[in-house]
Protein backbone atom coordinates (compact mmCIF):
# COMPACT_ATOMS: atom_id res chain seq x y z
CA MET A 1 45.36 66.92 29.96
CA GLN A 2 49.04 67.54 29.42
CA GLN A 3 50.27 68.64 26.00
CA LEU A 4 53.72 68.81 24.51
CA LYS A 5 54.54 71.71 22.25
CA LEU A 6 57.61 73.39 20.83
CA GLN A 7 58.25 77.03 21.56
CA GLN A 8 61.04 79.27 20.34
CA LYS A 9 62.46 81.96 22.61
CA LEU A 10 65.12 84.57 21.95
CA LEU A 11 67.13 85.20 25.08
CA GLN A 12 70.22 87.25 25.82
CA LYS A 13 72.60 85.42 28.11
CA LEU A 14 76.14 86.35 29.07
CA SER A 15 78.73 83.62 28.61
CA PRO A 16 81.13 82.77 31.47
CA GLN A 17 83.91 84.48 29.47
CA GLN A 18 81.89 87.71 29.17
CA ILE A 19 81.09 87.66 32.88
CA LEU A 20 84.80 87.17 33.63
CA LEU A 21 85.70 90.13 31.42
CA MET A 22 83.11 92.38 33.08
CA LYS A 23 84.51 91.50 36.51
CA LEU A 24 88.11 92.09 35.39
CA LEU A 25 87.20 95.48 33.91
CA GLN A 26 85.97 96.68 37.28
CA ILE A 27 89.26 95.85 39.01
CA PRO A 28 91.83 98.68 39.20
CA SER A 29 95.47 97.85 38.45
CA ILE A 30 96.35 97.58 42.13
CA GLY A 31 93.78 94.78 42.51
CA LEU A 32 94.59 93.00 39.25
CA GLU A 33 97.87 91.55 40.54
CA GLN A 34 96.10 89.87 43.43
CA ARG A 35 93.38 88.55 41.12
CA ILE A 36 95.99 87.03 38.78
CA LYS A 37 97.89 85.52 41.69
CA GLN A 38 94.65 83.95 42.94
CA GLU A 39 93.92 82.51 39.49
CA ILE A 40 97.42 81.02 39.18
CA GLU A 41 97.09 79.41 42.62
CA GLU A 42 93.73 77.88 41.68
CA ASN A 43 94.71 76.83 38.14
CA PRO A 44 98.11 75.11 37.68
CA ALA A 45 97.64 75.29 33.88
CA LEU A 46 98.25 79.05 34.06
CA GLU A 47 101.64 80.60 34.71
CA ASP A 48 103.31 84.00 34.88
CA VAL A 49 106.04 84.36 32.26
CA GLY A 50 108.01 86.80 34.40
CA GLN A 51 108.07 84.40 37.32
CA GLU A 52 108.93 81.49 35.04
CA ASN A 53 111.88 83.42 33.57
CA ALA A 54 113.21 84.01 37.05
CA GLU A 55 113.10 80.27 37.73
CA ASP A 56 114.81 79.51 34.41
CA THR A 57 117.98 81.22 35.62
CA HIS A 58 118.49 78.28 38.00
CA ASP A 59 117.53 75.32 35.78
CA ASP A 60 118.00 74.48 32.11
CA ASP A 61 115.13 73.25 29.94
CA ASP A 62 116.03 69.54 30.15
CA SER A 63 116.39 69.42 33.92
CA ARG A 64 113.18 71.41 34.40
CA GLU A 65 111.22 69.01 32.21
CA LYS A 66 112.66 66.10 34.14
CA ASP A 67 111.77 67.72 37.47
CA ASN A 68 108.26 68.42 36.25
CA ASP A 69 107.83 64.80 35.16
CA ASP A 70 109.04 63.58 38.53
CA GLU A 71 106.91 65.95 40.58
CA PHE A 72 103.73 66.04 38.52
CA ASP A 73 101.19 63.24 38.44
CA ILE A 74 97.82 64.08 36.92
CA THR A 75 96.11 61.29 38.85
CA ASP A 76 97.08 63.03 42.04
CA TYR A 77 95.13 66.08 40.91
CA VAL A 78 92.13 64.06 39.80
CA ASP A 79 91.91 62.04 43.00
CA GLU A 80 92.42 65.06 45.19
CA ASP A 81 89.80 66.99 43.27
CA ASP A 82 87.20 64.42 44.29
CA ILE A 83 88.05 64.53 48.01
CA PRO A 84 86.04 66.98 50.14
CA ASP A 85 88.03 69.85 51.63
CA TYR A 86 87.35 68.82 55.21
CA LYS A 87 89.06 65.43 54.62
CA MET A 88 92.22 67.22 53.51
CA ARG A 89 92.55 69.07 56.82
CA SER A 90 94.37 67.77 59.89
CA ASN A 91 95.23 68.92 63.37
CA ASN A 92 98.70 67.43 63.50
CA TYR A 93 100.54 70.76 63.45
CA ALA A 94 103.43 71.45 65.78
CA GLU A 95 102.76 74.21 68.26
CA ASP A 96 105.11 76.54 66.40
CA ASP A 97 103.30 75.89 63.09
CA LYS A 98 100.07 77.30 64.53
CA LYS A 99 101.68 80.60 65.40
CA THR A 100 100.83 83.46 63.09
CA ILE A 101 103.26 86.12 62.02
CA PRO A 102 102.40 89.32 63.87
CA PHE A 103 101.15 92.16 61.70
CA ALA A 104 102.44 95.58 62.66
CA ALA A 105 99.53 97.91 63.27
CA GLY A 106 98.87 100.93 65.44
CA ILE A 107 96.83 100.60 68.60
CA SER A 108 93.16 101.28 67.92
CA PHE A 109 91.20 104.27 69.21
CA HIS A 110 89.03 102.09 71.47
CA GLU A 111 92.09 100.33 72.89
CA ILE A 112 93.58 103.73 73.78
CA LEU A 113 90.42 104.54 75.71
CA GLU A 114 90.28 101.14 77.44
CA ASN A 115 93.91 101.45 78.51
CA GLN A 116 92.96 104.56 80.51
CA ILE A 117 90.35 102.69 82.58
CA SER A 118 92.88 101.05 84.89
CA HIS A 119 94.19 104.42 86.11
CA GLN A 120 90.83 105.59 87.48
CA GLY A 121 90.50 103.41 90.59
CA LEU A 122 87.19 101.95 89.43
CA SER A 123 85.48 98.92 90.95
CA ASP A 124 85.02 95.74 88.91
CA LYS A 125 81.42 96.71 88.25
CA GLN A 126 82.40 100.19 87.11
CA VAL A 127 85.09 98.72 84.83
CA GLU A 128 82.44 96.64 83.04
CA ILE A 129 80.25 99.74 82.71
CA ALA A 130 83.20 101.67 81.27
CA LYS A 131 83.86 98.94 78.69
CA ILE A 132 80.24 99.01 77.57
CA ILE A 133 80.34 102.80 77.24
CA ILE A 134 83.61 102.76 75.27
CA GLY A 135 82.25 100.02 73.02
CA ASN A 136 79.43 102.38 72.03
CA ILE A 137 81.70 105.34 71.23
CA ASP A 138 82.13 105.87 67.48
CA ASP A 139 85.35 106.74 65.65
CA SER A 140 84.58 110.46 65.95
CA GLY A 141 84.51 110.14 69.75
CA TYR A 142 80.74 110.40 70.32
CA LEU A 143 78.60 108.09 72.47
CA GLN A 144 75.97 106.67 70.13
CA ARG A 145 73.72 104.78 72.56
CA ASP A 146 71.18 105.95 75.14
CA LEU A 147 72.10 105.34 78.77
CA GLU A 148 68.77 103.56 79.34
CA ALA A 149 69.62 101.12 76.55
CA MET A 150 73.02 100.44 78.13
CA VAL A 151 71.25 99.50 81.37
CA ASP A 152 69.55 96.68 79.42
CA ASP A 153 72.83 95.77 77.68
CA LEU A 154 74.58 95.22 81.00
CA VAL A 155 71.70 93.15 82.39
CA PHE A 156 71.41 90.84 79.38
CA THR A 157 75.07 90.50 78.35
CA GLN A 158 76.92 90.78 81.69
CA ASN A 159 74.12 90.00 84.18
CA ILE A 160 74.98 93.27 85.93
CA ASP A 161 72.15 95.30 87.43
CA VAL A 162 72.91 99.03 87.20
CA SER A 163 71.05 102.34 87.22
CA VAL A 164 71.28 105.23 84.78
CA LYS A 165 72.94 107.31 87.51
CA GLU A 166 75.73 104.73 87.86
CA ILE A 167 76.35 104.83 84.10
CA GLU A 168 76.32 108.63 84.14
CA TYR A 169 78.95 108.62 86.90
CA VAL A 170 81.30 106.40 84.88
CA LEU A 171 80.57 108.39 81.71
CA LYS A 172 81.69 111.60 83.43
CA ILE A 173 85.00 109.87 84.23
CA ILE A 174 85.43 108.72 80.63
CA GLN A 175 84.78 112.28 79.49
CA THR A 176 88.01 113.23 81.28
CA PHE A 177 90.00 110.80 79.11
CA ASP A 178 92.25 111.80 76.26
CA PRO A 179 91.41 113.01 73.69
CA ILE A 180 89.47 115.77 75.46
CA GLY A 181 85.81 115.79 74.41
CA VAL A 182 85.50 112.04 73.98
CA GLY A 183 82.29 110.40 75.23
CA ALA A 184 80.05 113.38 74.44
CA ARG A 185 76.49 112.69 73.35
CA SER A 186 76.18 115.80 71.19
CA LEU A 187 78.32 118.46 69.56
CA GLN A 188 77.23 120.95 72.22
CA GLU A 189 78.37 118.65 75.04
CA CYS A 190 81.62 117.85 73.21
CA LEU A 191 82.58 121.53 72.84
CA LEU A 192 81.59 122.35 76.44
CA ILE A 193 83.74 119.50 77.80
CA GLN A 194 86.74 120.95 75.99
CA LEU A 195 86.04 124.54 77.05
CA ARG A 196 85.71 123.58 80.72
CA LYS A 197 89.23 122.15 80.56
CA LYS A 198 90.56 125.57 79.62
CA ASP A 199 91.49 128.52 81.84
CA LEU A 200 88.20 129.44 83.51
CA THR A 201 89.58 132.82 84.59
CA ASN A 202 89.70 133.84 80.93
CA GLU A 203 86.65 136.02 80.13
CA ASP A 204 86.58 134.90 76.48
CA VAL A 205 86.43 131.24 77.56
CA LEU A 206 83.65 131.97 80.06
CA LEU A 207 81.65 133.82 77.40
CA ALA A 208 82.18 130.95 74.96
CA ILE A 209 80.75 128.54 77.56
CA ARG A 210 77.79 130.86 78.08
CA VAL A 211 77.13 131.12 74.34
CA LEU A 212 77.15 127.33 73.91
CA GLU A 213 75.01 126.72 77.00
CA LYS A 214 72.32 129.35 76.34
CA TYR A 215 72.50 130.26 72.66
CA PHE A 216 73.68 127.08 70.92
CA ASP A 217 70.91 127.01 68.31
CA PRO A 218 71.42 130.64 67.16
CA PHE A 219 75.18 130.00 67.22
CA THR A 220 74.94 127.02 64.84
CA LYS A 221 72.73 129.07 62.51
CA LYS A 222 75.11 132.05 62.77
CA HIS A 223 72.39 134.37 64.04
CA TYR A 224 75.03 136.52 65.70
CA ASP A 225 72.81 139.59 65.96
CA LYS A 226 70.34 137.65 68.14
CA ILE A 227 73.14 136.45 70.42
CA ILE A 228 74.57 139.97 70.82
CA LYS A 229 71.12 141.35 71.67
CA LYS A 230 70.06 138.59 74.09
CA ALA A 231 73.43 138.26 75.81
CA GLN A 232 73.85 142.05 75.90
CA ILE A 233 77.43 141.95 74.69
CA GLU A 234 79.51 143.76 72.07
CA GLU A 235 80.32 142.31 68.66
CA ASP A 236 84.06 142.17 69.39
CA GLN A 237 83.36 140.21 72.61
CA LEU A 238 81.33 137.64 70.66
CA LYS A 239 84.07 137.42 68.02
CA ARG A 240 86.69 136.59 70.67
CA ALA A 241 84.39 133.97 72.19
CA ILE A 242 83.79 132.41 68.78
CA ASP A 243 87.56 132.35 68.19
CA GLU A 244 87.88 130.22 71.35
CA ILE A 245 85.17 127.86 70.09
CA LEU A 246 86.82 127.53 66.68
CA LYS A 247 90.00 126.27 68.37
CA LEU A 248 88.08 123.22 69.64
CA ASN A 249 87.92 119.83 67.95
CA PRO A 250 84.36 118.86 66.94
CA LYS A 251 85.48 115.26 66.30
CA PRO A 252 88.01 114.41 69.02
CA GLY A 253 88.15 110.72 68.14
CA ASN A 254 89.49 111.44 64.66
CA SER A 255 92.71 112.86 66.09
CA LEU A 256 93.64 109.35 67.25
CA SER A 257 91.74 107.09 64.88
CA GLU A 258 93.45 108.66 61.86
CA THR A 259 96.78 107.27 63.07
CA THR A 260 95.44 103.72 62.99
CA LYS A 261 93.94 103.85 59.51
CA ILE A 262 95.68 102.10 56.63
CA ASN A 263 97.08 104.41 53.99
CA HIS A 264 95.58 103.75 50.57
CA TYR A 265 97.95 104.61 47.76
CA ILE A 266 96.51 105.29 44.32
CA ILE A 267 98.29 103.47 41.53
CA PRO A 268 97.26 104.99 38.18
CA ASP A 269 95.99 102.67 35.47
CA PHE A 270 97.10 105.06 32.70
CA VAL A 271 99.90 107.58 32.31
CA ILE A 272 99.69 110.65 30.08
CA ILE A 273 102.97 112.44 29.32
CA ASN A 274 103.27 115.83 27.65
CA ASN A 275 106.19 115.46 25.24
CA ASP A 276 106.80 118.99 23.89
CA GLY A 277 103.10 119.60 23.29
CA GLU A 278 102.34 116.06 22.12
CA LEU A 279 100.40 113.90 24.57
CA GLU A 280 101.48 110.27 24.89
CA LEU A 281 99.29 107.63 26.51
CA THR A 282 100.62 104.44 28.09
CA LEU A 283 98.92 101.66 29.99
CA ASN A 284 100.37 100.89 33.42
CA SER A 285 102.52 97.76 33.14
CA ARG A 286 100.52 96.21 35.98
CA ASN A 287 97.62 96.04 33.52
CA ALA A 288 99.66 94.05 30.99
CA PRO A 289 100.99 90.90 32.68
CA GLU A 290 102.64 88.17 30.60
CA LEU A 291 100.60 85.04 31.11
CA ARG A 292 100.78 81.73 29.25
CA LEU A 293 99.68 78.10 29.42
CA ASN A 294 101.84 75.76 31.48
CA ARG A 295 103.88 73.67 29.04
CA THR A 296 103.48 70.52 31.10
CA TYR A 297 99.72 70.78 30.86
CA LYS A 298 99.84 71.39 27.10
CA ASP A 299 102.05 68.35 26.62
CA MET A 300 99.74 66.25 28.76
CA LEU A 301 96.71 67.27 26.74
CA LEU A 302 98.47 66.07 23.58
CA ALA A 303 99.73 62.91 25.25
CA TYR A 304 96.30 61.45 25.90
CA GLY A 305 95.27 59.65 22.70
CA ALA A 306 91.92 58.44 21.48
CA ASN A 307 92.29 55.08 23.19
CA GLN A 308 91.74 56.08 26.76
CA ASN A 309 90.74 53.96 29.68
CA LYS A 310 88.37 55.27 32.31
CA LYS A 311 91.15 56.69 34.48
CA GLU A 312 92.80 58.42 31.52
CA LYS A 313 89.49 59.92 30.42
CA GLU A 314 89.06 61.46 33.87
CA ALA A 315 92.58 62.82 33.72
CA PHE A 316 92.02 64.17 30.20
CA GLN A 317 88.84 65.96 31.22
CA PHE A 318 90.59 67.46 34.23
CA VAL A 319 93.53 68.73 32.13
CA LYS A 320 91.21 70.05 29.40
CA GLN A 321 89.08 71.93 31.90
CA LYS A 322 92.16 73.57 33.44
CA VAL A 323 93.65 74.47 30.06
CA ASP A 324 90.36 75.91 28.77
CA SER A 325 89.96 77.93 31.94
CA ALA A 326 93.52 79.26 31.59
CA LYS A 327 92.90 80.22 27.94
CA TRP A 328 89.72 82.08 28.87
CA PHE A 329 91.54 83.97 31.60
CA ILE A 330 94.43 84.95 29.31
CA ASP A 331 91.98 86.09 26.61
CA ALA A 332 89.98 88.07 29.17
CA ILE A 333 93.15 89.82 30.41
CA LYS A 334 94.10 90.74 26.82
CA GLN A 335 90.58 91.96 26.11
CA ARG A 336 90.72 94.00 29.31
CA GLN A 337 93.98 95.65 28.18
CA HIS A 338 92.46 96.47 24.78
CA THR A 339 89.23 97.86 26.26
CA LEU A 340 91.08 99.99 28.80
CA TYR A 341 93.43 101.43 26.20
CA ILE A 342 90.88 102.31 23.52
CA THR A 343 88.55 103.84 26.13
CA MET A 344 91.28 106.00 27.63
CA LYS A 345 92.62 106.94 24.17
CA THR A 346 89.14 108.11 23.16
CA ILE A 347 88.80 110.15 26.38
CA LEU A 348 92.26 111.65 25.76
CA ASP A 349 91.33 112.69 22.23
CA TYR A 350 87.99 114.06 23.41
CA GLN A 351 89.58 116.11 26.20
CA TYR A 352 92.91 116.86 24.48
CA ALA A 353 92.87 120.59 25.31
CA TYR A 354 92.21 119.87 28.98
CA PHE A 355 95.02 117.31 29.27
CA LEU A 356 97.39 119.85 27.69
CA THR A 357 96.62 122.65 30.16
CA GLY A 358 94.97 121.08 33.21
CA ASP A 359 92.58 124.05 33.27
CA GLU A 360 89.02 122.97 34.06
CA VAL A 361 87.75 125.72 31.74
CA ASP A 362 89.07 123.57 28.86
CA LEU A 363 87.10 120.53 30.04
CA ARG A 364 84.45 119.71 27.44
CA PRO A 365 81.02 118.36 28.43
CA MET A 366 81.31 114.58 28.21
CA ILE A 367 78.88 111.83 29.13
CA LEU A 368 79.36 108.05 29.02
CA LYS A 369 77.39 107.80 25.79
CA ASP A 370 79.84 110.13 23.99
CA ILE A 371 82.69 107.70 24.60
CA ALA A 372 80.60 104.53 24.18
CA ASP A 373 79.46 105.64 20.73
CA GLN A 374 83.02 106.28 19.57
CA VAL A 375 84.53 103.00 20.80
CA ASN A 376 81.40 101.01 19.88
CA LEU A 377 81.02 99.57 23.37
CA ASP A 378 78.10 99.44 25.77
CA ILE A 379 77.64 102.35 28.18
CA SER A 380 77.86 99.94 31.12
CA THR A 381 81.35 98.89 29.94
CA ILE A 382 82.53 102.51 29.84
CA SER A 383 81.02 103.02 33.28
CA ARG A 384 82.99 100.06 34.67
CA VAL A 385 86.20 101.56 33.32
CA ALA A 386 85.47 105.11 34.50
CA ASN A 387 84.31 104.29 38.02
CA SER A 388 87.45 102.59 39.26
CA LYS A 389 90.39 103.73 37.10
CA TYR A 390 92.87 106.55 37.59
CA VAL A 391 95.00 108.44 35.08
CA GLN A 392 98.29 110.13 35.92
CA THR A 393 98.65 113.47 34.16
CA PRO A 394 101.29 116.22 34.24
CA PHE A 395 99.03 118.09 36.69
CA GLY A 396 98.00 115.27 39.02
CA THR A 397 96.31 111.88 39.24
CA LEU A 398 92.60 111.90 38.44
CA LEU A 399 89.70 109.48 38.70
CA LEU A 400 88.29 109.01 35.20
CA LYS A 401 84.77 109.43 36.54
CA SER A 402 85.59 113.03 37.52
CA LEU A 403 86.14 113.95 33.85
CA PHE A 404 82.52 113.24 32.91
CA SER A 405 79.96 116.01 33.19
CA GLU A 406 76.71 117.28 31.71
CA SER A 407 76.61 120.26 29.37
CA LEU A 408 75.24 123.74 29.92
CA LYS A 409 74.56 126.38 27.26
CA THR A 410 75.94 129.89 27.43
CA ASP A 411 74.04 132.93 26.19
CA THR A 412 75.82 132.49 22.84
CA GLY A 413 74.58 128.91 22.51
CA THR A 414 77.97 127.31 23.25
CA ASP A 415 78.00 124.08 25.26
CA VAL A 416 80.19 124.18 28.37
CA SER A 417 80.87 121.63 31.07
CA THR A 418 79.04 121.88 34.38
CA ILE A 419 82.47 121.36 35.98
CA GLU A 420 83.50 124.72 34.53
CA VAL A 421 80.44 126.38 36.09
CA LYS A 422 81.15 124.76 39.46
CA LYS A 423 84.74 126.01 39.29
CA ILE A 424 83.50 129.58 38.76
CA LEU A 425 81.03 129.20 41.65
CA SER A 426 83.78 127.92 43.92
CA ASP A 427 86.11 130.76 42.93
CA CYS A 428 83.40 133.40 43.55
CA ILE A 429 82.64 132.03 47.00
CA GLY A 430 86.36 131.77 47.75
CA VAL A 431 86.89 135.51 47.33
CA GLU A 432 83.56 136.72 48.77
CA GLU A 433 83.42 139.09 51.74
CA LYS A 434 82.88 136.71 54.65
CA SER A 435 80.87 139.23 56.65
CA LYS A 436 78.46 139.47 53.69
CA PRO A 437 78.60 136.14 51.82
CA LEU A 438 77.04 135.85 48.38
CA THR A 439 73.50 134.47 48.25
CA ASP A 440 72.38 132.00 45.58
CA GLU A 441 70.55 134.84 43.83
CA GLN A 442 73.71 136.94 43.71
CA LEU A 443 75.73 133.97 42.43
CA THR A 444 73.11 133.43 39.72
CA ASP A 445 73.47 137.08 38.65
CA ILE A 446 77.28 136.79 38.55
CA LEU A 447 77.06 133.73 36.32
CA LYS A 448 74.59 135.47 34.00
CA GLU A 449 76.99 138.40 33.70
CA LYS A 450 79.66 135.92 32.64
CA GLY A 451 77.34 134.48 30.00
CA TYR A 452 76.08 131.36 31.77
CA VAL A 453 72.30 130.97 31.53
CA ILE A 454 71.39 129.15 34.73
CA ALA A 455 68.49 129.07 37.20
CA ARG A 456 68.90 129.87 40.90
CA ARG A 457 67.81 126.35 41.95
CA THR A 458 70.53 124.92 39.69
CA VAL A 459 73.10 127.17 41.35
CA ALA A 460 71.88 125.87 44.72
CA LYS A 461 72.24 122.27 43.48
CA TYR A 462 75.80 122.85 42.25
CA ARG A 463 76.72 124.60 45.51
CA GLU A 464 75.43 121.61 47.50
CA GLN A 465 77.39 119.23 45.26
CA LEU A 466 80.49 121.26 46.13
CA ASN A 467 79.64 120.81 49.84
CA ILE A 468 79.38 124.58 50.29
CA PRO A 469 76.76 125.73 52.84
CA VAL A 470 74.21 128.48 52.25
CA ALA A 471 75.28 132.13 52.61
CA ARG A 472 73.97 132.47 56.19
CA LEU A 473 76.16 129.61 57.40
CA ARG A 474 79.23 131.05 55.66
CA LYS A 475 78.95 134.35 57.49
CA GLU A 476 81.84 135.39 59.70
CA LEU A 477 82.28 138.36 62.04
CA ASN A 478 84.86 140.99 61.12
């Protein structure tokens, strides 16, 4: 038996305006311009004041209103809005209209490799094998697929029956391509390919080849004593051989692929200027666009009276929806500006000493909650601001996220930033004797002498976060 009953529920639900604001907060200034442009293209009720002012230099107010009246018909928008996109498309373009404007870009790494195939005198079958091999080479220059798997690839995709030996033969040819070392299946093979291209009458080169062929594992672990003993060589001989190895490129593909990558320029969202000891904060002008409602749409909204026929009601609803959407977007942009500014101003005040000097020792411990509590915003909002925004300072441009850190107590009970501790660790390792690098235990003792109470495992964690290897792997021969 079915029963009807009333039930009250308390739910938290974000409004469309709040969702819009959250999305806008995540966008850095360099992406905001594109987002605004997209919104203006999709909503004719929204316009850029700067762009409008530029147009006003050509037309006076009366002529512009007349032009707008002549060009604008709300029924056109309503009717078009109801027509599916596919009915608006046609194929009646002239041949020239279909042509796209070429985009200047460097030749890709894989294209450079493929261009070298034609100079090798390969058969048609071998050319197809070469293309499959090159297609499986990553940007670092390494072959990332087993030869047996490529046998299946050629059978199923090209209907070409080949053996592993045939693929190996073509691979050896590709391994002679520029850059030297490309097509290797391991670091060991990559380095050996490069060494074998060197002067093989050079004793240091020959010893380097021998070390990599027979003692690669001890070499990677820097067990130099074992190599000297097993190879029955002197320390200075091994050092010269290692010097030859260090001249090699462990990622040959990067030397070419870097030239084809797009440069990403950081545009700061905030600017801090030191004006004779007084710090001044400004918001990047890209974050403060001048947007307003289109006057034609506002006039149209007023023009539709209470006595509306069916067609006019449809037009009114269309105009109202566009105007409301434009208002929400303008409000969200303003709220974004306000949130960005008060968040950055609070961070500036919190880290005032650091922004004055740029010395990481002056960086106070600061977590998201510290800032969220002061600006009375949710931690997730502060996180959205910190994760994608940059600030230009007198000593460089910084990602806001990098200013946040946990605290650590000194032996006097003072709270210091973990960034400060990492800086000391990095400095200690930077000046260590490379033949006897500092162990984590020794680093822990150094920090304790400086007044930082810290466990060895924490030192190891900070060292790993700094991408610094363990002492054994930092060892170098004199």
